[in-house]
Amino acid sequence: MAKKIVAVTACPTGIAHTFMAAENLEVTGKELGYDVKVETQGTSGAENVLTQKEIDEADAIILAVDRDIDESRFVGRKVLKCSVGKAVKKANEVINNAINDVGTEVIKGEKKADSSNGEKGIKSIYKHLMMGISYMLPIVVAGGILTAISFAFGIYAFQDEGSIAWGFYQTGAVAALGLMVPVLSAYIAHSIADKAGFAAGLVGGFLASTIGSGFIGGIIAGFLAGYVTLFLNKYIKVPKTIQGVKDILIVPILSVGIVGFVMLFVVGTPISAMNAGITSFLNSLNGGSIVILGLVCGLLYWDLGGPFSKILYAFAIGLISEGVYGPMAATMICGMVPPLGIAVATLVTRKMWTEEQRQAGISALFLGASYITEGAIPFAAENPIVVLPACMIGGAVGAITSLALGAGISAPHGGLFLLLIPGVITNVGGFLIALLAGTLVTAAMLIILKKITMGKTK
């Protein structure tokens, strides 16, 4: 009987890596002769959920996660923990290590996994930030698209109170986008201090919105709320008989009060000024500054949807709430160009690629059109020296062109499918020209570099 492996995959945003890792583990496991079941924890919740019986009967357990999950189901079992990216790129190694008990650890008996998952410093901070963004993302997507639909009735139609356009605008711009920063802050704090940090994070994020410190202020409020709550929980000692009073009265009052006053009297003014300065700079982009920003966008996307790409993506999302849409268009192009360029290269020079790569190129075409950069990962993992420079150069060219032509996007996801919604993309022609330019440059660079490495330079 084949050995049984169970796994959980969960990336920070719960969109692409989560499902790619699951597919790679399942396919590779089958090739190795194992029975593999993977639970995916995406933005819409857990799918293919593992039963306790399946967990108990498993010969190996893999947790390929880049954010916090409830590990209480695995208490007392040996598990192999790894990043989602490793499961995407090195599924064979991950499975073999899990089966052979290499690098595994026993999940201790605490009911909840520690919020930092044993990690410190920059990596832990990144995970908390991505947790907040993963909860915020659906709100921004819905808010941005509904707001754009309101403009389809006329740029000022939303001012007619009681009209359909007004309804779309109130729901999208006022309600959904108005909740963007508070939700971000609340779930950053929740990631750090569990549910005890939620209240202070929510209030801190709301204040960040009202005082004009926006997305940056919301991030600060979330981390402040989380760590203040952790500190209070650690150092305020009460008898067990009144522990409930501490949890629902003492800590919430103190944490909300401290975060509120810090946001109002310390953080608010300088962050608001900085936020206004960044917005003003982006609105006045021209000439050399466009080139610099475009190059930064292309270079930061070197990891194809990884941590650096997500930092740029988070920055662009924050600017949407400020009414600055150019960086989102440039960022989306940087994310679409790698898989689209690879797809074009595999279609144009079919003899340079294996049959498996040509099939993967077709998949990359659809993934790229949907703004799922991870379609380029299998190619980059196999030949990074060729693929990564081509993707970075093409992304930079596309971003610079997009910024120069004044393209903008008011929704943070969707790719070419956003063309179906009037008003989401400003200067559609400019956006498509930029996307085409970046795609063709990536394809051309990929073909040239691949020929060089194959010893077939012309």
Protein backbone atom coordinates (compact mmCIF):
# COMPACT_ATOMS: atom_id res chain seq x y z
CA MET A 1 0.00 0.00 0.00
CA ALA A 2 1.30 3.44 -0.93
CA LYS A 3 2.41 5.70 1.87
CA LYS A 4 0.06 8.54 2.69
CA ILE A 5 1.11 12.20 2.78
CA VAL A 6 -1.09 15.09 3.86
CA ALA A 7 -0.20 18.74 3.40
CA VAL A 8 -1.46 22.28 3.87
CA THR A 9 -0.48 25.12 1.55
CA ALA A 10 -1.10 28.79 2.32
CA CYS A 11 0.66 31.80 0.78
CA PRO A 12 0.27 35.36 2.16
CA THR A 13 -2.32 36.47 -0.38
CA GLY A 14 -3.92 33.07 -0.94
CA ILE A 15 -4.15 33.51 -4.70
CA ALA A 16 -1.57 31.72 -6.84
CA HIS A 17 1.30 30.15 -4.86
CA THR A 18 -1.17 28.33 -2.61
CA PHE A 19 -2.66 26.34 -5.47
CA MET A 20 0.53 25.93 -7.50
CA ALA A 21 2.26 24.41 -4.46
CA ALA A 22 -0.69 22.07 -3.90
CA GLU A 23 -0.66 20.92 -7.52
CA ASN A 24 3.11 20.35 -7.53
CA LEU A 25 2.97 18.32 -4.32
CA GLU A 26 0.09 16.19 -5.62
CA VAL A 27 1.63 15.57 -9.06
CA THR A 28 5.14 14.92 -7.73
CA GLY A 29 3.81 12.69 -4.96
CA LYS A 30 1.90 10.60 -7.47
CA GLU A 31 5.02 10.27 -9.64
CA LEU A 32 6.95 9.04 -6.57
CA GLY A 33 4.27 6.51 -5.76
CA TYR A 34 2.68 8.21 -2.75
CA ASP A 35 -0.95 8.99 -1.94
CA VAL A 36 -1.05 12.77 -1.41
CA LYS A 37 -3.89 14.99 -0.23
CA VAL A 38 -3.38 18.75 0.05
CA GLU A 39 -5.58 21.26 1.86
CA THR A 40 -5.39 24.74 0.32
CA GLN A 41 -6.07 27.81 2.43
CA GLY A 42 -6.83 30.55 -0.09
CA THR A 43 -8.69 33.84 0.04
CA SER A 44 -12.05 32.06 -0.19
CA GLY A 45 -11.25 29.79 2.75
CA ALA A 46 -9.95 26.24 3.11
CA GLU A 47 -10.62 23.74 0.33
CA ASN A 48 -10.06 19.97 0.25
CA VAL A 49 -9.99 20.12 4.05
CA LEU A 50 -8.06 17.36 5.82
CA THR A 51 -10.03 15.23 8.26
CA GLN A 52 -8.53 14.33 11.61
CA LYS A 53 -8.57 10.66 10.53
CA GLU A 54 -6.48 11.48 7.46
CA ILE A 55 -4.02 13.42 9.58
CA ASP A 56 -3.73 10.61 12.14
CA GLU A 57 -3.17 7.97 9.44
CA ALA A 58 -0.63 9.99 7.44
CA ASP A 59 2.93 8.72 7.13
CA ALA A 60 4.20 12.27 6.58
CA ILE A 61 2.81 15.77 7.04
CA ILE A 62 3.91 18.88 5.13
CA LEU A 63 3.01 22.45 6.06
CA ALA A 64 4.03 24.64 3.11
CA VAL A 65 2.86 27.94 4.55
CA ASP A 66 4.05 31.55 4.52
CA ARG A 67 1.46 32.81 7.00
CA ASP A 68 -0.01 31.71 10.29
CA ILE A 69 -2.36 28.75 10.34
CA ASP A 70 -4.01 26.82 13.16
CA GLU A 71 -1.61 23.95 13.87
CA SER A 72 -3.62 22.43 16.72
CA ARG A 73 -4.78 19.56 14.46
CA PHE A 74 -1.18 18.39 14.18
CA VAL A 75 -0.23 18.46 17.88
CA GLY A 76 2.09 15.57 18.74
CA ARG A 77 2.88 14.77 15.07
CA LYS A 78 6.11 15.27 13.22
CA VAL A 79 5.68 17.77 10.40
CA LEU A 80 7.94 19.27 7.77
CA LYS A 81 7.58 23.03 7.54
CA CYS A 82 8.72 24.89 4.44
CA SER A 83 7.86 27.95 2.40
CA VAL A 84 5.21 27.80 -0.30
CA GLY A 85 7.87 28.81 -2.82
CA LYS A 86 9.96 25.74 -1.99
CA ALA A 87 6.94 23.48 -2.53
CA VAL A 88 6.42 25.15 -5.92
CA LYS A 89 10.04 24.87 -7.04
CA LYS A 90 11.34 21.78 -5.18
CA ALA A 91 8.34 19.55 -4.49
CA ASN A 92 10.46 16.42 -4.96
CA GLU A 93 12.91 17.47 -2.26
CA VAL A 94 10.13 18.52 0.12
CA ILE A 95 8.30 15.21 -0.20
CA ASN A 96 11.45 13.12 0.19
CA ASN A 97 12.48 15.08 3.29
CA ALA A 98 9.04 14.60 4.83
CA ILE A 99 9.00 10.85 4.16
CA ASN A 100 12.59 10.37 5.38
CA ASP A 101 12.07 12.53 8.49
CA VAL A 102 14.66 15.13 7.42
CA GLY A 103 14.14 18.55 8.98
CA THR A 104 10.84 17.64 10.63
CA GLU A 105 9.67 18.94 13.99
CA VAL A 106 7.05 17.87 16.50
CA ILE A 107 4.10 20.23 16.97
CA LYS A 108 3.87 21.04 20.65
CA GLY A 109 0.71 20.79 22.71
CA GLU A 110 -0.40 24.43 22.64
CA LYS A 111 -3.90 24.89 21.29
CA LYS A 112 -2.84 27.72 18.98
CA ALA A 113 0.34 28.08 17.02
CA ASP A 114 2.53 30.96 18.12
CA SER A 115 1.68 34.00 16.03
CA SER A 116 5.25 34.58 14.95
CA ASN A 117 5.70 30.87 14.11
CA GLY A 118 9.10 30.99 15.75
CA GLU A 119 10.45 33.54 13.32
CA LYS A 120 12.10 36.82 14.16
CA GLY A 121 13.02 40.08 12.51
CA ILE A 122 12.30 41.03 8.93
CA LYS A 123 10.76 37.68 7.96
CA SER A 124 8.25 37.87 10.81
CA ILE A 125 7.38 41.49 10.00
CA TYR A 126 6.82 40.58 6.36
CA LYS A 127 4.46 37.76 7.32
CA HIS A 128 2.39 40.03 9.56
CA LEU A 129 2.15 42.65 6.79
CA MET A 130 1.10 40.05 4.22
CA MET A 131 -1.54 38.70 6.60
CA GLY A 132 -3.11 42.16 6.74
CA ILE A 133 -2.92 42.55 2.98
CA SER A 134 -4.51 39.13 2.38
CA TYR A 135 -7.60 40.18 4.33
CA MET A 136 -7.65 43.64 2.80
CA LEU A 137 -7.30 42.50 -0.82
CA PRO A 138 -10.91 41.33 -1.46
CA ILE A 139 -12.23 44.63 -0.08
CA VAL A 140 -9.94 46.65 -2.35
CA VAL A 141 -10.82 44.56 -5.41
CA ALA A 142 -14.56 44.91 -4.78
CA GLY A 143 -14.30 48.59 -3.87
CA GLY A 144 -12.13 49.51 -6.85
CA ILE A 145 -14.32 47.76 -9.41
CA LEU A 146 -17.61 49.05 -7.97
CA THR A 147 -16.21 52.58 -7.92
CA ALA A 148 -15.12 52.24 -11.55
CA ILE A 149 -18.60 51.04 -12.50
CA SER A 150 -20.05 54.21 -10.96
CA PHE A 151 -17.87 56.28 -13.31
CA ALA A 152 -19.21 54.33 -16.29
CA PHE A 153 -22.49 56.27 -15.85
CA GLY A 154 -20.57 59.53 -16.23
CA ILE A 155 -17.57 60.92 -14.39
CA TYR A 156 -19.76 63.03 -12.07
CA ALA A 157 -22.90 60.85 -12.12
CA PHE A 158 -22.18 59.62 -8.57
CA GLN A 159 -22.99 63.10 -7.24
CA ASP A 160 -26.67 62.59 -8.03
CA GLU A 161 -27.84 61.26 -4.67
CA GLY A 162 -30.19 58.32 -4.94
CA SER A 163 -29.07 57.35 -8.47
CA ILE A 164 -27.63 53.98 -9.45
CA ALA A 165 -24.20 55.57 -9.98
CA TRP A 166 -24.41 57.10 -6.48
CA GLY A 167 -25.23 53.64 -5.08
CA PHE A 168 -22.20 52.05 -6.74
CA TYR A 169 -19.96 54.88 -5.53
CA GLN A 170 -21.22 54.78 -1.94
CA THR A 171 -20.77 51.02 -1.80
CA GLY A 172 -17.40 50.92 -3.54
CA ALA A 173 -15.54 54.14 -2.78
CA VAL A 174 -17.09 55.21 0.51
CA ALA A 175 -17.81 51.89 2.22
CA ALA A 176 -15.40 49.29 0.79
CA LEU A 177 -12.35 51.49 0.14
CA GLY A 178 -13.10 53.36 3.37
CA LEU A 179 -12.62 50.07 5.24
CA MET A 180 -9.41 49.20 3.44
CA VAL A 181 -6.95 50.71 5.93
CA PRO A 182 -8.83 49.71 9.12
CA VAL A 183 -9.02 46.09 7.92
CA LEU A 184 -5.32 46.11 7.01
CA SER A 185 -4.36 47.42 10.44
CA ALA A 186 -6.72 45.11 12.31
CA TYR A 187 -5.37 41.95 10.72
CA ILE A 188 -1.72 42.96 11.03
CA ALA A 189 -2.41 43.37 14.76
CA HIS A 190 -4.36 40.09 14.79
CA SER A 191 -1.41 38.30 13.18
CA ILE A 192 0.92 39.61 15.88
CA ALA A 193 -1.24 39.34 19.00
CA ASP A 194 -4.12 37.09 17.92
CA LYS A 195 -7.67 38.36 18.51
CA ALA A 196 -6.53 40.47 21.50
CA GLY A 197 -4.88 42.91 19.07
CA PHE A 198 -7.83 43.22 16.71
CA ALA A 199 -9.68 46.08 18.45
CA ALA A 200 -6.65 48.34 18.77
CA GLY A 201 -5.64 47.60 15.19
CA LEU A 202 -9.10 48.41 13.86
CA VAL A 203 -9.30 51.70 15.76
CA GLY A 204 -5.73 52.63 14.82
CA GLY A 205 -6.47 51.96 11.15
CA PHE A 206 -9.66 54.01 11.28
CA LEU A 207 -7.74 56.94 12.79
CA ALA A 208 -5.03 56.55 10.13
CA SER A 209 -7.74 57.00 7.50
CA THR A 210 -9.38 59.99 9.15
CA ILE A 211 -6.16 61.95 9.83
CA GLY A 212 -4.84 61.45 6.29
CA SER A 213 -1.92 59.11 7.00
CA GLY A 214 -3.53 56.50 4.77
CA PHE A 215 -1.96 53.16 3.89
CA ILE A 216 1.42 53.88 5.50
CA GLY A 217 -0.24 55.10 8.68
CA GLY A 218 -2.41 51.98 8.67
CA ILE A 219 0.64 49.73 8.55
CA ILE A 220 2.19 51.61 11.46
CA ALA A 221 -1.07 51.42 13.41
CA GLY A 222 -1.30 47.66 12.85
CA PHE A 223 2.20 46.91 14.08
CA LEU A 224 1.85 49.36 16.97
CA ALA A 225 -1.43 47.77 18.06
CA GLY A 226 -0.05 44.24 17.79
CA TYR A 227 3.10 44.79 19.78
CA VAL A 228 1.46 47.06 22.37
CA THR A 229 -1.14 44.34 22.98
CA LEU A 230 1.56 41.67 23.27
CA PHE A 231 3.41 43.82 25.80
CA LEU A 232 0.28 44.44 27.88
CA ASN A 233 -0.70 40.78 27.87
CA LYS A 234 2.78 39.76 28.95
CA TYR A 235 3.32 42.24 31.77
CA ILE A 236 -0.15 42.78 33.23
CA LYS A 237 -0.66 39.99 35.75
CA VAL A 238 -4.04 39.30 37.35
CA PRO A 239 -5.48 36.41 39.37
CA LYS A 240 -6.94 33.62 37.23
CA THR A 241 -10.37 34.35 38.71
CA ILE A 242 -10.49 37.70 36.90
CA GLN A 243 -8.56 36.75 33.76
CA GLY A 244 -11.70 37.40 31.71
CA VAL A 245 -11.80 40.99 32.99
CA LYS A 246 -8.24 41.50 31.78
CA ASP A 247 -9.05 40.09 28.33
CA ILE A 248 -12.25 42.02 27.63
CA LEU A 249 -11.73 45.18 29.70
CA ILE A 250 -8.21 46.02 30.85
CA VAL A 251 -6.14 45.15 27.76
CA PRO A 252 -8.64 46.48 25.17
CA ILE A 253 -9.04 49.83 26.97
CA LEU A 254 -5.30 50.32 27.40
CA SER A 255 -4.30 49.11 23.93
CA VAL A 256 -6.97 51.12 22.10
CA GLY A 257 -6.18 54.20 24.19
CA ILE A 258 -2.43 53.99 23.66
CA VAL A 259 -2.67 53.32 19.92
CA GLY A 260 -5.29 56.06 19.49
CA PHE A 261 -3.24 58.72 21.24
CA VAL A 262 -0.02 57.75 19.47
CA MET A 263 -1.75 57.93 16.09
CA LEU A 264 -3.36 61.29 16.87
CA PHE A 265 -0.51 63.08 18.61
CA VAL A 266 2.71 61.41 17.42
CA VAL A 267 2.32 59.54 14.12
CA GLY A 268 -0.49 61.47 12.44
CA THR A 269 1.11 64.74 11.37
CA PRO A 270 4.48 63.52 9.99
CA ILE A 271 3.01 60.47 8.24
CA SER A 272 0.20 62.56 6.74
CA ALA A 273 2.78 65.02 5.42
CA MET A 274 4.91 62.20 4.00
CA ASN A 275 1.86 60.57 2.44
CA ALA A 276 0.87 63.86 0.80
CA GLY A 277 4.43 64.30 -0.47
CA ILE A 278 4.52 60.84 -2.06
CA THR A 279 1.12 61.39 -3.68
CA SER A 280 2.21 64.78 -5.01
CA PHE A 281 5.43 63.32 -6.40
CA LEU A 282 3.61 60.49 -8.18
CA ASN A 283 1.04 62.86 -9.63
CA SER A 284 3.83 65.02 -11.06
CA LEU A 285 5.89 62.20 -12.59
CA ASN A 286 7.61 63.11 -15.84
CA GLY A 287 10.78 62.45 -17.79
CA GLY A 288 13.56 60.91 -15.73
CA SER A 289 11.39 60.19 -12.71
CA ILE A 290 9.13 57.97 -14.83
CA VAL A 291 12.15 56.00 -16.02
CA ILE A 292 13.45 55.57 -12.48
CA LEU A 293 10.09 54.41 -11.10
CA GLY A 294 9.62 52.05 -14.05
CA LEU A 295 13.07 50.54 -13.52
CA VAL A 296 12.34 50.06 -9.82
CA CYS A 297 9.09 48.27 -10.68
CA GLY A 298 10.82 45.94 -13.12
CA LEU A 299 13.72 45.17 -10.79
CA LEU A 300 11.52 44.50 -7.76
CA TYR A 301 9.57 41.90 -9.72
CA TRP A 302 12.67 39.72 -10.06
CA ASP A 303 11.17 37.16 -7.65
CA LEU A 304 8.02 36.67 -9.78
CA GLY A 305 5.33 37.17 -7.16
CA GLY A 306 7.53 36.65 -4.11
CA PRO A 307 8.23 38.98 -1.16
CA PHE A 308 9.81 41.84 -3.13
CA SER A 309 7.05 41.79 -5.74
CA LYS A 310 4.43 41.87 -3.00
CA ILE A 311 6.07 44.89 -1.35
CA LEU A 312 5.71 46.79 -4.65
CA TYR A 313 2.16 45.46 -5.01
CA ALA A 314 1.25 46.61 -1.50
CA PHE A 315 2.63 50.07 -2.27
CA ALA A 316 0.52 50.30 -5.43
CA ILE A 317 -2.62 49.15 -3.59
CA GLY A 318 -2.12 51.85 -0.98
CA LEU A 319 -1.98 54.51 -3.69
CA ILE A 320 -5.35 53.43 -5.08
CA SER A 321 -7.03 54.80 -1.95
CA GLU A 322 -5.21 58.10 -2.58
CA GLY A 323 -6.60 58.30 -6.12
CA VAL A 324 -3.21 57.59 -7.73
CA TYR A 325 -3.68 54.78 -10.28
CA GLY A 326 -0.52 54.91 -12.44
CA PRO A 327 1.71 52.74 -10.20
CA MET A 328 -0.97 50.02 -10.06
CA ALA A 329 -1.02 49.83 -13.86
CA ALA A 330 2.79 49.67 -13.97
CA THR A 331 2.87 47.03 -11.25
CA MET A 332 0.24 44.90 -12.94
CA ILE A 333 2.16 45.04 -16.20
CA CYS A 334 5.32 43.90 -14.39
CA GLY A 335 3.34 40.94 -13.09
CA MET A 336 1.74 40.04 -16.42
CA VAL A 337 4.77 40.46 -18.68
CA PRO A 338 6.89 37.47 -17.42
CA PRO A 339 4.38 34.67 -18.15
CA LEU A 340 3.10 36.39 -21.32
CA GLY A 341 6.63 36.91 -22.65
CA ILE A 342 7.53 33.29 -21.92
CA ALA A 343 4.34 32.14 -23.64
CA VAL A 344 5.19 34.15 -26.76
CA ALA A 345 8.75 32.80 -26.79
CA THR A 346 7.57 29.20 -26.60
CA LEU A 347 5.09 29.80 -29.43
CA VAL A 348 7.53 31.62 -31.74
CA THR A 349 10.58 29.38 -31.28
CA ARG A 350 8.98 26.02 -30.60
CA LYS A 351 12.08 23.96 -31.46
CA MET A 352 14.02 25.58 -28.62
CA TRP A 353 11.65 24.13 -26.03
CA THR A 354 10.62 20.68 -24.93
CA GLU A 355 7.04 19.49 -25.38
CA GLU A 356 6.48 19.90 -21.63
CA GLN A 357 7.75 23.50 -21.77
CA ARG A 358 5.52 24.28 -24.75
CA GLN A 359 2.50 23.02 -22.82
CA ALA A 360 3.57 25.07 -19.80
CA GLY A 361 3.87 28.08 -22.11
CA ILE A 362 0.20 27.75 -23.06
CA SER A 363 -0.72 27.70 -19.37
CA ALA A 364 1.52 30.74 -18.79
CA LEU A 365 -0.42 32.62 -21.47
CA PHE A 366 -3.69 32.32 -19.55
CA LEU A 367 -2.04 32.92 -16.18
CA GLY A 368 -0.32 36.05 -17.46
CA ALA A 369 -3.57 37.39 -18.91
CA SER A 370 -5.08 36.95 -15.44
CA TYR A 371 -2.18 38.77 -13.69
CA ILE A 372 -0.81 35.58 -12.11
CA THR A 373 2.95 36.02 -12.36
CA GLU A 374 3.66 32.57 -10.95
CA GLY A 375 3.09 31.04 -14.38
CA ALA A 376 6.71 32.01 -15.07
CA ILE A 377 8.13 30.22 -12.03
CA PRO A 378 8.66 26.75 -13.56
CA PHE A 379 10.78 28.31 -16.32
CA ALA A 380 12.69 30.54 -13.89
CA ALA A 381 13.37 27.63 -11.53
CA GLU A 382 14.82 25.58 -14.39
CA ASN A 383 16.91 28.32 -15.99
CA PRO A 384 17.08 31.48 -13.80
CA ILE A 385 20.12 32.97 -15.57
CA VAL A 386 18.11 33.22 -18.79
CA VAL A 387 14.57 33.80 -17.56
CA LEU A 388 14.96 36.31 -14.71
CA PRO A 389 16.93 39.01 -16.63
CA ALA A 390 14.49 38.76 -19.55
CA CYS A 391 11.49 39.16 -17.25
CA MET A 392 13.03 42.07 -15.35
CA ILE A 393 14.01 43.98 -18.49
CA GLY A 394 10.63 43.38 -20.12
CA GLY A 395 8.80 44.39 -16.95
CA ALA A 396 10.81 47.61 -16.69
CA VAL A 397 10.12 48.49 -20.33
CA GLY A 398 6.40 47.83 -19.85
CA ALA A 399 6.25 49.83 -16.61
CA ILE A 400 8.12 52.83 -18.06
CA THR A 401 5.87 52.82 -21.14
CA SER A 402 2.73 52.59 -19.01
CA LEU A 403 3.78 55.49 -16.77
CA ALA A 404 4.85 57.58 -19.76
CA LEU A 405 1.50 57.07 -21.51
CA GLY A 406 -0.49 57.85 -18.36
CA ALA A 407 -2.23 54.47 -17.99
CA GLY A 408 -3.93 53.78 -14.67
CA ILE A 409 -5.86 50.98 -12.97
CA SER A 410 -8.24 51.45 -10.05
CA ALA A 411 -8.60 47.75 -9.12
CA PRO A 412 -5.68 45.70 -7.79
CA HIS A 413 -6.28 42.45 -9.68
CA GLY A 414 -7.86 40.99 -12.77
CA GLY A 415 -5.38 41.51 -15.61
CA LEU A 416 -6.93 41.71 -19.07
CA PHE A 417 -10.33 40.74 -17.67
CA LEU A 418 -10.55 44.28 -16.30
CA LEU A 419 -11.13 45.40 -19.88
CA LEU A 420 -14.65 44.02 -19.54
CA ILE A 421 -15.47 46.62 -16.87
CA PRO A 422 -15.76 50.20 -18.15
CA GLY A 423 -13.67 52.77 -16.34
CA VAL A 424 -11.35 50.47 -14.36
CA ILE A 425 -8.44 51.10 -16.75
CA THR A 426 -7.72 54.68 -17.73
CA ASN A 427 -6.10 55.08 -21.16
CA VAL A 428 -6.79 51.51 -22.24
CA GLY A 429 -4.75 52.00 -25.41
CA GLY A 430 -1.70 53.11 -23.46
CA PHE A 431 -2.03 50.15 -21.10
CA LEU A 432 -2.23 47.65 -23.96
CA ILE A 433 0.71 49.26 -25.79
CA ALA A 434 2.80 49.06 -22.62
CA LEU A 435 1.80 45.44 -21.99
CA LEU A 436 2.63 44.49 -25.59
CA ALA A 437 5.98 46.29 -25.44
CA GLY A 438 7.00 44.57 -22.22
CA THR A 439 5.83 41.17 -23.46
CA LEU A 440 7.73 41.41 -26.76
CA VAL A 441 10.91 42.62 -25.07
CA THR A 442 10.73 39.74 -22.57
CA ALA A 443 10.18 37.23 -25.38
CA ALA A 444 13.01 38.66 -27.48
CA MET A 445 15.45 38.75 -24.54
CA LEU A 446 14.48 35.22 -23.57
CA ILE A 447 15.12 33.87 -27.06
CA ILE A 448 18.46 35.72 -27.36
CA LEU A 449 19.72 34.65 -23.94
CA LYS A 450 18.58 31.07 -24.47
CA LYS A 451 20.42 30.92 -27.82
CA ILE A 452 23.54 32.31 -26.17
CA THR A 453 23.45 29.70 -23.43
CA MET A 454 22.82 26.97 -26.01
CA GLY A 455 25.84 28.13 -27.99
CA LYS A 456 23.74 29.27 -30.95
CA THR A 457 24.49 32.99 -31.09
CA LYS A 458 24.11 34.59 -34.46
